[in-house]
Protein backbone atom coordinates (compact mmCIF):
# COMPACT_ATOMS: atom_id res chain seq x y z
CA MET A 1 9.09 16.64 -14.63
CA GLU A 2 6.53 16.16 -17.40
CA PRO A 3 4.16 19.12 -17.84
CA LYS A 4 0.59 18.35 -16.80
CA ASN A 5 -0.96 19.68 -20.00
CA LYS A 6 1.23 17.47 -22.14
CA SER A 7 0.36 14.42 -20.05
CA GLN A 8 -3.35 15.18 -20.28
CA PHE A 9 -3.14 15.72 -24.05
CA ASN A 10 -1.42 12.37 -24.50
CA ARG A 11 -4.12 10.66 -22.47
CA ARG A 12 -6.89 12.11 -24.63
CA ASP A 13 -5.03 11.05 -27.80
CA PHE A 14 -4.58 7.61 -26.29
CA LEU A 15 -8.32 7.24 -25.77
CA LYS A 16 -9.20 8.59 -29.21
CA THR A 17 -6.77 6.71 -31.41
CA GLY A 18 -6.79 3.26 -29.87
CA ALA A 19 -3.04 3.05 -30.48
CA LEU A 20 -2.27 1.21 -27.28
CA SER A 21 0.47 -0.95 -28.70
CA GLY A 22 2.25 1.99 -30.26
CA LEU A 23 2.13 3.98 -27.05
CA PHE A 24 3.15 0.97 -25.02
CA LEU A 25 6.16 0.01 -27.09
CA GLY A 26 7.27 3.59 -27.54
CA THR A 27 7.16 4.56 -23.88
CA ALA A 28 10.57 5.34 -22.39
CA GLY A 29 10.52 3.20 -19.21
CA LEU A 30 9.51 -0.07 -20.81
CA ALA A 31 12.40 -1.82 -22.48
CA SER A 32 11.63 -3.49 -25.77
CA CYS A 33 13.92 -6.38 -25.02
CA ALA A 34 13.19 -9.24 -22.67
CA THR A 35 15.52 -10.22 -19.85
CA ASN A 36 16.86 -13.05 -21.99
CA GLY A 37 17.62 -10.66 -24.86
CA SER A 38 14.59 -11.41 -27.03
CA GLN A 39 11.03 -10.11 -26.99
CA ARG A 40 8.52 -12.77 -26.00
CA SER A 41 4.95 -12.62 -27.23
CA TYR A 42 2.80 -11.94 -24.16
CA LYS A 43 0.07 -9.56 -25.29
CA GLY A 44 -3.34 -10.78 -24.31
CA ARG A 45 -1.91 -13.82 -22.52
CA VAL A 46 -2.55 -12.56 -19.02
CA LYS A 47 -5.75 -13.73 -17.39
CA ASN A 48 -4.97 -12.52 -13.86
CA ILE A 49 -3.12 -9.49 -12.52
CA ILE A 50 -2.12 -9.07 -8.88
CA PHE A 51 -0.78 -5.57 -8.16
CA MET A 52 0.78 -5.27 -4.71
CA VAL A 53 1.70 -1.96 -3.05
CA SER A 54 3.57 -1.49 0.20
CA ASP A 55 2.52 2.12 0.67
CA GLY A 56 5.36 4.45 1.68
CA MET A 57 8.05 1.79 1.58
CA SER A 58 11.53 3.27 1.42
CA HIS A 59 14.42 1.02 0.44
CA GLY A 60 15.46 0.98 4.11
CA THR A 61 12.06 -0.40 5.09
CA LEU A 62 12.51 -3.38 2.79
CA GLN A 63 15.94 -4.06 4.29
CA LEU A 64 14.78 -3.70 7.90
CA ALA A 65 11.96 -6.20 7.41
CA ASP A 66 14.35 -8.66 5.78
CA LEU A 67 16.85 -8.25 8.61
CA MET A 68 14.12 -8.81 11.20
CA ARG A 69 12.94 -12.01 9.51
CA ARG A 70 16.51 -13.30 9.30
CA ARG A 71 17.26 -12.48 12.93
CA LYS A 72 13.93 -13.58 14.41
CA GLU A 73 12.83 -16.40 12.10
CA GLY A 74 16.07 -17.56 10.51
CA ARG A 75 14.87 -16.88 6.97
CA ALA A 76 14.89 -14.11 4.44
CA SER A 77 11.83 -12.03 3.78
CA GLU A 78 9.71 -13.37 0.93
CA TRP A 79 10.44 -10.33 -1.23
CA ILE A 80 14.21 -10.65 -0.84
CA ARG A 81 14.08 -14.45 -1.16
CA LEU A 82 12.41 -14.06 -4.53
CA TYR A 83 15.14 -11.64 -5.55
CA GLU A 84 17.84 -14.03 -4.34
CA GLU A 85 16.33 -16.91 -6.29
CA ASN A 86 15.93 -14.76 -9.41
CA LYS A 87 12.18 -15.31 -9.47
CA LEU A 88 11.32 -11.63 -9.85
CA ASN A 89 12.41 -9.07 -12.41
CA ARG A 90 13.75 -6.02 -10.60
CA GLY A 91 14.04 -2.35 -11.47
CA LEU A 92 13.44 1.18 -10.27
CA MET A 93 10.38 3.31 -10.99
CA ASP A 94 9.95 7.08 -11.20
CA MET A 95 6.80 8.05 -9.25
CA THR A 96 6.75 11.75 -10.20
CA THR A 97 3.21 13.17 -10.31
CA GLY A 98 1.70 16.04 -12.29
CA SER A 99 2.52 18.52 -9.55
CA SER A 100 5.63 17.30 -7.74
CA ASN A 101 8.62 15.00 -7.70
CA VAL A 102 7.38 14.05 -4.22
CA PRO A 103 4.21 12.02 -4.74
CA ASP A 104 1.18 11.65 -2.53
CA SER A 105 -0.62 8.31 -2.59
CA ALA A 106 -3.66 9.56 -4.50
CA ALA A 107 -1.78 10.86 -7.54
CA ALA A 108 0.69 7.96 -7.34
CA ALA A 109 -2.06 5.32 -7.47
CA SER A 110 -3.85 7.29 -10.19
CA SER A 111 -0.74 7.12 -12.39
CA TRP A 112 -1.22 3.35 -12.39
CA GLY A 113 -5.01 3.48 -12.36
CA SER A 114 -5.56 5.76 -15.35
CA GLY A 115 -2.13 6.24 -16.92
CA VAL A 116 -1.87 9.98 -16.22
CA ARG A 117 0.36 12.03 -13.95
CA ILE A 118 -2.11 14.23 -12.10
CA THR A 119 -1.95 16.73 -9.25
CA ASN A 120 -1.22 15.43 -5.76
CA GLY A 121 -4.39 14.97 -3.74
CA SER A 122 -6.64 14.16 -6.70
CA VAL A 123 -7.86 10.70 -7.67
CA ASN A 124 -8.06 10.06 -11.42
CA MET A 125 -9.23 13.59 -12.10
CA MET A 126 -7.55 16.42 -14.00
CA ASP A 127 -7.35 19.97 -12.72
CA ASP A 128 -10.11 21.03 -15.12
CA GLY A 129 -12.51 18.49 -13.59
CA THR A 130 -12.16 15.88 -16.33
CA ALA A 131 -12.74 12.49 -14.72
CA LEU A 132 -10.57 9.66 -16.02
CA ASN A 133 -11.63 6.07 -16.22
CA SER A 134 -9.54 3.62 -14.24
CA VAL A 135 -8.50 0.01 -14.37
CA VAL A 136 -11.19 -1.52 -12.15
CA PRO A 137 -14.14 -0.39 -14.31
CA ILE A 138 -12.06 -0.99 -17.45
CA PHE A 139 -11.36 -4.60 -16.47
CA ARG A 140 -14.98 -5.04 -15.30
CA ASP A 141 -16.26 -3.92 -18.71
CA ALA A 142 -13.85 -6.38 -20.34
CA GLY A 143 -15.43 -9.24 -18.40
CA ARG A 144 -12.79 -9.62 -15.67
CA LYS A 145 -13.45 -9.77 -11.94
CA THR A 146 -11.83 -7.09 -9.80
CA GLY A 147 -10.83 -6.58 -6.18
CA LEU A 148 -9.27 -4.10 -3.77
CA VAL A 149 -7.68 -5.15 -0.47
CA THR A 150 -5.94 -2.88 2.04
CA THR A 151 -5.05 -2.38 5.70
CA THR A 152 -6.23 1.23 5.51
CA ARG A 153 -9.78 2.42 4.98
CA ILE A 154 -10.89 0.82 1.73
CA THR A 155 -11.80 4.33 0.60
CA HIS A 156 -8.25 5.56 1.15
CA ALA A 157 -6.08 6.96 -1.64
CA THR A 158 -4.34 3.86 -2.98
CA PRO A 159 -7.33 1.55 -3.49
CA ALA A 160 -9.36 4.53 -4.71
CA GLY A 161 -6.73 5.20 -7.38
CA PHE A 162 -7.66 1.92 -9.07
CA CYS A 163 -11.39 2.59 -9.17
CA ALA A 164 -12.66 6.08 -8.25
CA SER A 165 -12.55 9.57 -9.79
CA VAL A 166 -12.77 12.50 -7.36
CA GLN A 167 -11.19 15.92 -7.10
CA SER A 168 -9.93 15.31 -3.57
CA ARG A 169 -8.82 12.10 -1.88
CA GLY A 170 -10.66 13.27 1.24
CA MET A 171 -14.02 12.69 -0.46
CA GLU A 172 -14.21 9.19 0.98
CA ASP A 173 -18.01 9.09 1.32
CA GLU A 174 -18.15 9.74 -2.42
CA ILE A 175 -15.47 7.13 -3.10
CA ALA A 176 -17.55 4.54 -1.22
CA GLN A 177 -20.57 5.54 -3.32
CA GLN A 178 -18.52 5.14 -6.50
CA TYR A 179 -17.51 1.66 -5.39
CA LEU A 180 -21.21 0.81 -5.20
CA GLU A 181 -21.70 2.14 -8.72
CA ARG A 182 -18.56 0.61 -10.26
CA GLN A 183 -18.88 -2.72 -8.46
CA PRO A 184 -15.44 -4.08 -7.65
CA ASP A 185 -16.20 -7.70 -6.83
CA VAL A 186 -14.10 -7.79 -3.67
CA LEU A 187 -13.53 -4.92 -1.25
CA MET A 188 -11.69 -5.60 2.02
CA GLY A 189 -10.12 -3.25 4.56
CA GLY A 190 -11.28 -0.68 7.07
CA GLY A 191 -13.53 2.35 6.70
CA HIS A 192 -16.86 1.51 8.39
CA VAL A 193 -17.54 5.22 8.86
CA HIS A 194 -17.94 5.65 5.10
CA PHE A 195 -20.50 2.86 4.70
CA ASP A 196 -22.69 3.19 7.79
CA ALA A 197 -25.74 5.47 7.67
CA SER A 198 -25.05 6.96 11.10
CA THR A 199 -21.59 8.26 10.13
CA ARG A 200 -21.98 9.14 6.44
CA GLY A 201 -22.71 12.77 5.68
CA ASP A 202 -25.70 11.86 3.50
CA GLY A 203 -27.14 9.30 5.93
CA ARG A 204 -27.12 6.53 3.30
CA ASP A 205 -26.80 2.92 4.40
CA LEU A 206 -24.31 1.54 1.89
CA TYR A 207 -24.12 -1.85 3.59
CA THR A 208 -27.73 -2.51 2.62
CA LYS A 209 -27.12 -1.18 -0.88
CA PHE A 210 -24.16 -3.50 -1.38
CA ALA A 211 -26.07 -6.47 0.03
CA ASP A 212 -28.96 -5.74 -2.32
CA THR A 213 -26.59 -6.03 -5.29
CA GLY A 214 -25.29 -9.43 -4.22
CA TYR A 215 -22.38 -8.73 -1.89
CA LYS A 216 -21.60 -10.87 1.12
CA ILE A 217 -21.01 -8.43 4.00
CA ALA A 218 -18.18 -9.37 6.37
CA ARG A 219 -17.54 -7.35 9.51
CA LYS A 220 -15.39 -9.85 11.41
CA LYS A 221 -12.70 -12.37 10.55
CA ALA A 222 -15.10 -15.24 11.20
CA ASP A 223 -17.42 -13.92 8.51
CA LEU A 224 -14.76 -14.65 5.89
CA ALA A 225 -14.63 -18.29 6.95
CA GLY A 226 -18.28 -18.70 6.04
CA ILE A 227 -17.91 -17.41 2.49
CA GLY A 228 -16.77 -20.69 0.99
CA ASN A 229 -14.53 -21.52 -1.95
CA GLY A 230 -16.70 -20.40 -4.86
CA PHE A 231 -16.91 -16.97 -6.39
CA GLN A 232 -18.60 -14.47 -4.08
CA LYS A 233 -18.80 -10.71 -4.18
CA ILE A 234 -17.44 -9.51 -0.84
CA LEU A 235 -17.57 -6.26 1.12
CA GLY A 236 -15.36 -6.86 4.13
CA ILE A 237 -15.03 -3.90 6.51
CA PHE A 238 -13.12 -4.75 9.67
CA ALA A 239 -12.51 -1.41 11.42
CA ASP A 240 -14.10 2.00 11.80
CA HIS A 241 -11.07 3.61 10.20
CA HIS A 242 -7.76 1.85 9.45
CA LEU A 243 -6.96 -1.69 10.51
CA PRO A 244 -4.63 -1.90 13.54
CA TYR A 245 -0.88 -1.98 13.20
CA THR A 246 0.32 -5.58 13.03
CA LEU A 247 2.31 -5.42 16.27
CA ASP A 248 -0.73 -4.14 18.20
CA HIS A 249 -2.96 -6.61 16.35
CA VAL A 250 -1.06 -9.74 17.35
CA ASN A 251 -0.81 -8.63 21.00
CA THR A 252 -4.47 -7.71 21.48
CA PRO A 253 -6.71 -10.81 21.79
CA ASP A 254 -9.90 -9.12 20.59
CA LEU A 255 -8.20 -7.76 17.49
CA LEU A 256 -6.48 -11.06 16.80
CA GLU A 257 -9.83 -12.85 16.91
CA ASN A 258 -11.88 -10.40 14.87
CA VAL A 259 -9.58 -8.68 12.37
CA PRO A 260 -8.04 -10.64 9.48
CA THR A 261 -4.43 -10.14 8.47
CA LEU A 262 -3.47 -8.74 5.09
CA ALA A 263 -2.33 -12.22 4.04
CA GLU A 264 -5.67 -13.73 5.06
CA MET A 265 -7.60 -11.11 3.11
CA THR A 266 -5.32 -11.56 0.12
CA LYS A 267 -5.80 -15.33 0.12
CA GLN A 268 -9.57 -15.00 0.37
CA ALA A 269 -9.70 -12.39 -2.39
CA ILE A 270 -7.60 -14.51 -4.76
CA GLU A 271 -9.65 -17.64 -4.09
CA SER A 272 -12.96 -15.88 -4.63
CA LEU A 273 -11.92 -13.97 -7.75
CA HIS A 274 -10.19 -16.97 -9.32
CA ALA A 275 -13.23 -19.18 -8.72
CA SER A 276 -15.19 -17.12 -11.23
CA GLY A 277 -13.07 -18.47 -14.08
CA SER A 278 -13.18 -15.06 -15.78
CA GLY A 279 -9.74 -13.84 -14.80
CA PHE A 280 -9.22 -10.95 -12.45
CA LEU A 281 -7.41 -7.78 -11.44
CA LEU A 282 -6.58 -7.56 -7.73
CA GLN A 283 -4.86 -4.66 -5.98
CA VAL A 284 -3.39 -5.39 -2.53
CA GLU A 285 -2.06 -2.61 -0.30
CA GLY A 286 -0.03 -2.72 2.89
CA GLY A 287 -1.18 0.77 3.75
CA ARG A 288 -0.05 1.16 7.32
CA VAL A 289 3.61 0.88 6.41
CA ASP A 290 3.21 4.47 5.25
CA HIS A 291 1.51 5.55 8.48
CA ALA A 292 4.27 4.05 10.62
CA ALA A 293 6.88 5.86 8.53
CA HIS A 294 5.03 9.15 9.00
CA GLY A 295 5.11 8.45 12.74
CA MET A 296 8.80 7.46 12.78
CA ASP A 297 7.54 4.26 14.39
CA ALA A 298 10.15 1.59 13.73
CA SER A 299 8.29 -1.36 15.26
CA GLY A 300 5.04 -0.43 13.52
CA LEU A 301 6.93 -0.09 10.25
CA VAL A 302 8.87 -3.36 10.42
CA TYR A 303 6.00 -5.59 11.44
CA ASP A 304 3.56 -4.12 8.93
CA GLN A 305 6.15 -4.61 6.19
CA ILE A 306 6.46 -8.21 7.34
CA ALA A 307 2.66 -8.53 7.17
CA PHE A 308 2.86 -7.29 3.58
CA ASP A 309 5.60 -9.84 3.00
CA ASP A 310 3.22 -12.56 4.17
CA ALA A 311 0.70 -11.32 1.61
CA ILE A 312 3.40 -11.55 -1.09
CA GLU A 313 3.83 -15.19 -0.12
CA GLU A 314 0.13 -15.86 -0.70
CA ALA A 315 0.17 -14.04 -4.04
CA PHE A 316 3.30 -15.82 -5.22
CA LYS A 317 1.81 -19.22 -4.40
CA PHE A 318 -1.01 -18.41 -6.77
CA TYR A 319 1.40 -17.09 -9.38
CA GLU A 320 3.49 -20.27 -9.25
CA ALA A 321 0.34 -22.34 -9.80
CA HIS A 322 -0.65 -20.18 -12.80
CA PRO A 323 2.60 -18.70 -14.16
CA ASP A 324 1.61 -18.53 -17.81
CA GLU A 325 -1.55 -16.51 -17.24
CA THR A 326 -0.71 -14.33 -14.21
CA LEU A 327 1.15 -11.03 -14.03
CA LEU A 328 2.42 -10.20 -10.54
CA ILE A 329 3.60 -6.66 -9.75
CA ILE A 330 5.11 -5.75 -6.36
CA THR A 331 6.07 -2.16 -5.66
CA THR A 332 5.48 0.97 -3.60
CA ASP A 333 4.04 4.37 -4.43
CA HIS A 334 6.78 6.49 -2.82
CA GLY A 335 9.39 6.46 -0.11
CA ASN A 336 8.57 7.84 3.32
CA ALA A 337 10.93 9.12 6.00
CA ASN A 338 13.80 6.95 4.69
CA PRO A 339 14.46 4.81 7.79
CA GLY A 340 17.67 2.89 8.22
CA LEU A 341 19.72 0.92 10.69
CA ASN A 342 22.37 3.35 11.92
CA GLY A 343 25.90 2.49 12.91
CA VAL A 344 26.57 2.85 16.64
CA GLY A 345 29.18 1.55 19.04
CA SER A 346 32.76 0.61 18.39
CA GLY A 347 32.94 -0.69 14.85
CA TYR A 348 29.14 -0.33 14.68
CA SER A 349 28.94 -3.51 16.75
CA ASP A 350 25.94 -2.36 18.82
CA SER A 351 23.65 -1.68 15.86
CA VAL A 352 22.19 -5.13 15.29
CA PRO A 353 21.87 -6.06 19.00
CA ASN A 354 19.95 -2.81 19.48
CA PHE A 355 17.73 -3.62 16.52
CA ASP A 356 17.07 -7.08 17.97
CA LYS A 357 15.21 -5.46 20.86
CA ILE A 358 12.25 -4.89 18.53
CA GLN A 359 11.74 -8.66 18.47
CA THR A 360 10.17 -8.56 21.94
CA PHE A 361 8.13 -5.35 21.62
CA LYS A 362 4.45 -5.73 22.49
CA HIS A 363 3.14 -2.51 21.01
CA THR A 364 3.88 0.35 18.64
CA ASN A 365 4.76 3.96 19.37
CA ASN A 366 1.24 4.78 18.22
CA TRP A 367 -0.13 2.60 21.02
CA VAL A 368 2.12 4.34 23.54
CA LEU A 369 0.92 7.79 22.49
CA SER A 370 -2.76 6.79 22.42
CA GLU A 371 -2.77 6.93 26.22
CA PHE A 372 -1.67 10.57 26.21
CA ARG A 373 -4.11 12.16 23.76
CA ASP A 374 -6.08 14.08 26.36
CA THR A 375 -3.51 14.78 29.03
CA VAL A 376 0.16 15.60 29.49
CA PRO A 377 1.64 12.74 31.52
CA SER A 378 4.38 12.81 34.09
CA ILE A 379 7.88 11.60 33.33
CA SER A 380 7.29 8.44 35.35
CA GLN A 381 4.06 7.70 33.49
CA ILE A 382 5.84 8.03 30.17
CA ARG A 383 8.65 5.74 31.25
CA GLU A 384 6.22 3.13 32.58
CA ARG A 385 4.14 3.01 29.41
CA ILE A 386 7.16 2.80 27.11
CA GLU A 387 8.66 0.03 29.24
CA TYR A 388 5.39 -1.95 29.12
CA ALA A 389 5.19 -1.61 25.35
CA THR A 390 8.84 -2.23 24.53
CA GLY A 391 10.68 -3.55 27.57
CA ILE A 392 13.02 -0.56 27.30
CA ASP A 393 13.71 1.63 30.32
CA VAL A 394 14.16 5.04 28.73
CA SER A 395 16.00 7.71 30.69
CA SER A 396 14.20 10.47 32.55
CA GLU A 397 15.86 12.97 30.22
CA HIS A 398 14.42 11.26 27.16
CA ALA A 399 10.99 10.94 28.78
CA ASP A 400 11.06 14.66 29.49
CA PHE A 401 11.60 15.39 25.81
CA LEU A 402 8.35 13.54 25.06
CA ARG A 403 6.51 15.28 27.91
CA ARG A 404 7.52 18.65 26.48
CA ALA A 405 6.47 17.67 22.97
CA LEU A 406 3.08 16.53 24.29
CA ASN A 407 2.82 19.95 25.94
CA ASN A 408 3.36 21.58 22.52
CA GLU A 409 6.81 22.88 23.46
CA ARG A 410 9.48 23.15 20.79
CA VAL A 411 11.97 20.31 21.10
CA ALA A 412 13.75 20.24 17.72
CA ALA A 413 15.23 22.70 15.25
CA TYR A 414 13.67 20.89 12.28
CA ASP A 415 9.98 21.85 12.25
CA MET A 416 8.92 18.44 10.97
CA ARG A 417 10.26 16.86 14.14
CA ASN A 418 8.30 19.05 16.54
CA ARG A 419 5.52 16.54 17.03
CA PRO A 420 5.09 13.95 19.80
CA TRP A 421 5.33 10.99 17.40
CA ALA A 422 8.56 12.33 15.89
CA THR A 423 9.99 12.95 19.34
CA LEU A 424 9.16 9.44 20.49
CA GLY A 425 10.64 8.04 17.29
CA GLU A 426 13.87 9.91 17.93
CA ILE A 427 13.94 8.77 21.56
CA MET A 428 13.60 5.14 20.50
CA SER A 429 16.39 5.59 17.93
CA ASN A 430 18.80 5.84 20.85
CA TYR A 431 17.85 2.34 21.97
CA ILE A 432 17.12 0.43 18.72
CA SER A 433 19.48 2.21 16.28
CA VAL A 434 16.77 2.83 13.65
CA ALA A 435 16.58 6.47 12.61
CA PHE A 436 14.47 8.42 10.12
CA VAL A 437 15.26 11.49 8.01
CA GLY A 438 11.86 13.04 8.67
CA THR A 439 8.14 12.32 8.81
CA ALA A 440 7.07 12.83 5.19
CA HIS A 441 7.09 11.32 1.72
CA THR A 442 10.29 11.36 -0.29
CA ALA A 443 11.11 11.58 -4.00
CA ASP A 444 12.91 8.24 -4.14
CA TYR A 445 12.96 6.05 -7.21
CA VAL A 446 11.07 3.05 -5.86
CA GLU A 447 11.42 -0.72 -6.02
CA LEU A 448 9.53 -2.38 -8.87
CA ALA A 449 9.41 -6.19 -8.90
CA SER A 450 7.41 -8.33 -11.30
CA ALA A 451 6.87 -11.82 -12.64
CA GLY A 452 4.78 -13.38 -15.36
CA PRO A 453 3.87 -12.52 -18.95
CA GLY A 454 4.75 -8.90 -19.70
CA SER A 455 7.13 -8.51 -16.78
CA GLU A 456 10.07 -9.06 -19.14
CA THR A 457 9.31 -5.72 -20.79
CA LEU A 458 10.03 -3.85 -17.58
CA GLY A 459 13.61 -2.68 -17.86
CA PRO A 460 15.88 -1.27 -15.17
CA PHE A 461 13.98 2.04 -15.09
CA THR A 462 10.23 2.53 -15.54
CA LYS A 463 7.86 5.49 -15.57
CA ASN A 464 4.88 5.06 -13.25
CA THR A 465 2.21 5.56 -15.94
CA ASP A 466 3.69 2.73 -18.00
CA LEU A 467 2.14 0.19 -15.62
CA PHE A 468 -1.35 1.21 -16.72
CA ASN A 469 -0.38 0.52 -20.31
CA LEU A 470 1.26 -2.78 -19.35
CA MET A 471 -1.81 -4.06 -17.51
CA LEU A 472 -4.16 -3.37 -20.42
CA SER A 473 -1.79 -4.68 -23.07
CA ALA A 474 -0.92 -7.83 -21.15
CA ALA A 475 -4.59 -8.55 -20.53
CA GLY A 476 -5.45 -7.98 -24.18
CA ILE A 477 -7.84 -5.13 -23.46
CA SER A 478 -7.98 -2.78 -26.42
CA VAL A 479 -8.28 0.97 -26.09
CA SER A 480 -11.65 0.80 -27.84
CA GLU A 481 -12.93 -0.73 -24.61
CA VAL A 482 -11.65 2.22 -22.56
CA THR A 483 -14.15 5.02 -22.17
CA GLN A 484 -14.19 8.21 -20.16
CA VAL A 485 -16.24 8.22 -16.99
C-alpha cells in the first residue's frame, strides 16, 4: 500500500510542475501501448466523459444480474453483452486508499476525483486539512458542463468525491452547500433533507438558492418531462434520503409514478449537458447496489444492478453516436459482501431453479424488515410478510431465527452476521441459493471497462488514481488550469 505522505507529496508536485503528461505516461497502471499494439493520439480529443459507478459491485453481482437477464428476459446484461461483442476494453483496478486495502466509497471516489489516495471517510481532503480540488470544478473552469446522478442521496460519498472537499463524508449539509458554490450543472438523486430549510442544521433553504442561480428544480418524475431538450441546469431531488430499491420501486404505484429510474435520470442528464455544445463530464452512480450488498439482500442487489445496466444502455447509445469525442468508463469503487450463486442439490442442479424464484419477488428484504422496526413480530407474522414479498413459505425454524435476531439475541458465531438483515439474508439463501461472505466492503480488484479515446491506454491492471489523470489528459485540460480549493 502506498504511504499517504508520498501520495500527498506527489499530488503537490503534480499541481506545481504542470507535468501532467509525464505523470500520466509514467504511471504504473496505464499501459503505454494501445490494444492494437500501437499508441493512438487521443490527448485533448475527448469532449465528453461519462463515468459510471455501480457502487459496491462484487464480481458475483455482475454475474448474478447477467444471469437474471438471461433467464428472465432472454438476453445478456448490457455490460456483459458489450464485453461479448468486444465493444469495451476490460481490466482490473486496484482501489486501495490512503488508509486501507479495503476502501470506503468516500476515499474511493476521491481517488478518481482528485487523483490522491486519502484516508477512508474523507472526501478530497488530506489528514492535515488540505482541501484538494476535484474534477467537477476543474472541468467547470475549463468550460465544460458537469453533472452528478445517483440513486443515493446526491450528497452521498460517491457523487461528493467528484465535486466536494470535506473532512468527513457525513458532512452532507456542507456538501450540499459546496454544490451550490461549485455549480455542477446537473444534480439528480435523493437527499431532500440536505436542501430543505426545515431539515438542514443551519436552516438554509438551498432550493431557493439553487433556483436563484438558474437551476430548474425537479421534485417528481413529471418535472423532468417539462425540462425540454435544450441545455438546462437541473437540481432533481426525488426522495428525502435515498431513492427506493428498484424492486420496491416497480411494485409501488406511487413510487413508480413519481420517482425516475437511474436510466431515465441518466438520459435526461446526457441530453441536457450535451445540448450546451460545450462538452461535459457526467458521473452516474448505481448507489443502492452497495446498500443491498450490505444488507445481504439478493433481490435488492440483482434488480438495482439491472437498473444500473439500463443506465449503461443509455450511456452507450450516446457513446455510439459520438465515439470519437466521448470517453466512457464503467466500474465500481469496491466489492461488497461477495455474493454468489451457490451449488446445491445433486450435481448442483437445484441452484438455478432456486435463483429463478427471484423473478417473481415483489419486494426486497429491506421492505420485509421495515414492518418490524418498532416491534418484535411473531413467527407467523414473519412468515406471512416474507411470503407476501417473495412467494416463499419459509419454515417456522427459519422464521424463529429472524425473530430472535430482531430481539437482539445472538444467532451467529460471526459477529457481522448478528443483525436482522444478515439473518434474513442467510434465511433466504436456503431458498434462492445466493449467499454472501459478510455484510461489508471487500478488498477486491474491481472491474474496469472503458471505450472511446484514451481507453486504449488502460491495460489489464490500473491504479485507481490513474483515472483522474486520464480524464484530464483525454479532455486536454492542462495542469495549469488545476488549482487548489
